[in-house]
């Protein structure tokens, strides 16, 4: 599931925490990139795409994802970012 389609991603992570059993995991595969790529996509490409109602909300950095998981009560077990375009993250609800 790509969560960046949600206009309020913190609500998504909060909901994940609510529905996961203790010890349950969220596996997230999404888009990401280096700081320059994220800036271009979030400030130029996606706003232009949103004008035609065909764009995503935005793409998040590792720091932003870690913050949202932490606020929701999820711990990150795995975070793989190829620094080109893809990320794989596993977050776990504590037991």
Protein backbone atom coordinates (compact mmCIF):
# COMPACT_ATOMS: atom_id res chain seq x y z
CA UNK A 1 0.00 0.00 0.00
CA UNK A 2 1.33 3.44 -0.83
CA UNK A 3 0.35 5.66 2.04
CA UNK A 4 1.30 8.93 0.37
CA UNK A 5 -2.11 8.82 -1.31
CA UNK A 6 -3.61 9.73 2.06
CA UNK A 7 -4.03 13.45 2.74
CA UNK A 8 -3.39 12.88 6.47
CA UNK A 9 -0.63 10.28 6.77
CA UNK A 10 -0.36 10.62 10.56
CA UNK A 11 -3.97 9.44 10.75
CA UNK A 12 -2.95 6.43 8.64
CA UNK A 13 -0.16 5.45 11.03
CA UNK A 14 -2.42 6.05 14.04
CA UNK A 15 -5.02 3.73 12.45
CA UNK A 16 -2.37 1.10 11.76
CA UNK A 17 -1.39 1.16 15.42
CA UNK A 18 -5.05 0.84 16.43
CA UNK A 19 -5.78 -2.21 14.24
CA UNK A 20 -2.53 -4.14 14.62
CA UNK A 21 -2.33 -6.81 17.28
CA UNK A 22 0.48 -6.40 19.81
CA UNK A 23 3.66 -7.41 18.00
CA UNK A 24 1.95 -6.95 14.60
CA UNK A 25 3.85 -5.47 11.67
CA UNK A 26 3.21 -2.93 8.95
CA UNK A 27 5.13 -3.57 5.72
CA UNK A 28 5.37 -0.43 3.62
CA UNK A 29 6.81 -0.22 0.11
CA UNK A 30 6.73 3.27 -1.28
CA UNK A 31 8.56 5.94 -3.22
CA UNK A 32 11.28 8.12 -1.78
CA UNK A 33 14.57 9.65 -2.83
CA UNK A 34 17.45 11.86 -1.84
CA UNK A 35 16.79 15.38 -0.54
CA UNK A 36 17.04 17.03 -3.98
CA UNK A 37 14.70 14.53 -5.62
CA UNK A 38 12.17 14.86 -2.80
CA UNK A 39 12.23 18.65 -3.10
CA UNK A 40 11.69 18.58 -6.88
CA UNK A 41 8.88 16.03 -6.64
CA UNK A 42 7.13 17.65 -3.66
CA UNK A 43 7.48 21.28 -4.78
CA UNK A 44 7.25 21.07 -8.58
CA UNK A 45 6.05 17.75 -9.99
CA UNK A 46 3.24 16.85 -7.58
CA UNK A 47 1.75 20.36 -7.34
CA UNK A 48 1.57 20.43 -11.14
CA UNK A 49 0.03 16.95 -11.21
CA UNK A 50 -2.48 17.97 -8.54
CA UNK A 51 -3.71 20.76 -10.81
CA UNK A 52 -5.02 18.03 -13.12
CA UNK A 53 -6.27 15.93 -10.17
CA UNK A 54 -3.86 13.14 -11.09
CA UNK A 55 -1.17 13.59 -8.46
CA UNK A 56 -0.29 12.21 -5.07
CA UNK A 57 -0.22 14.26 -1.92
CA UNK A 58 3.56 14.10 -1.40
CA UNK A 59 6.52 11.81 -0.82
CA UNK A 60 8.11 11.55 2.61
CA UNK A 61 11.68 11.36 3.84
CA UNK A 62 13.00 8.77 6.27
CA UNK A 63 13.02 11.36 9.03
CA UNK A 64 9.34 12.18 8.41
CA UNK A 65 8.36 8.49 8.35
CA UNK A 66 10.29 7.81 11.55
CA UNK A 67 8.54 10.74 13.23
CA UNK A 68 5.06 9.62 12.16
CA UNK A 69 5.72 6.04 13.28
CA UNK A 70 7.07 7.21 16.61
CA UNK A 71 4.07 9.50 17.23
CA UNK A 72 1.75 6.57 16.48
CA UNK A 73 3.64 4.26 18.85
CA UNK A 74 5.23 2.09 16.13
CA UNK A 75 8.89 1.09 16.14
CA UNK A 76 10.78 0.76 12.88
CA UNK A 77 12.47 -2.63 12.48
CA UNK A 78 13.72 -2.30 8.90
CA UNK A 79 14.23 0.68 6.65
CA UNK A 80 15.84 0.19 3.25
CA UNK A 81 16.11 3.18 0.96
CA UNK A 82 17.92 2.71 -2.34
CA UNK A 83 18.25 6.53 -2.49
CA UNK A 84 16.99 6.45 -6.03
CA UNK A 85 13.24 5.98 -5.77
CA UNK A 86 12.17 3.01 -3.61
CA UNK A 87 11.90 2.33 0.08
CA UNK A 88 10.95 -0.72 2.09
CA UNK A 89 9.99 -0.24 5.73
CA UNK A 90 8.77 -2.63 8.41
CA UNK A 91 7.27 -1.09 11.53
CA UNK A 92 6.04 -3.04 14.56
CA UNK A 93 3.52 -2.41 17.28
CA UNK A 94 5.07 -3.23 20.68
CA UNK A 95 3.93 -6.40 22.45
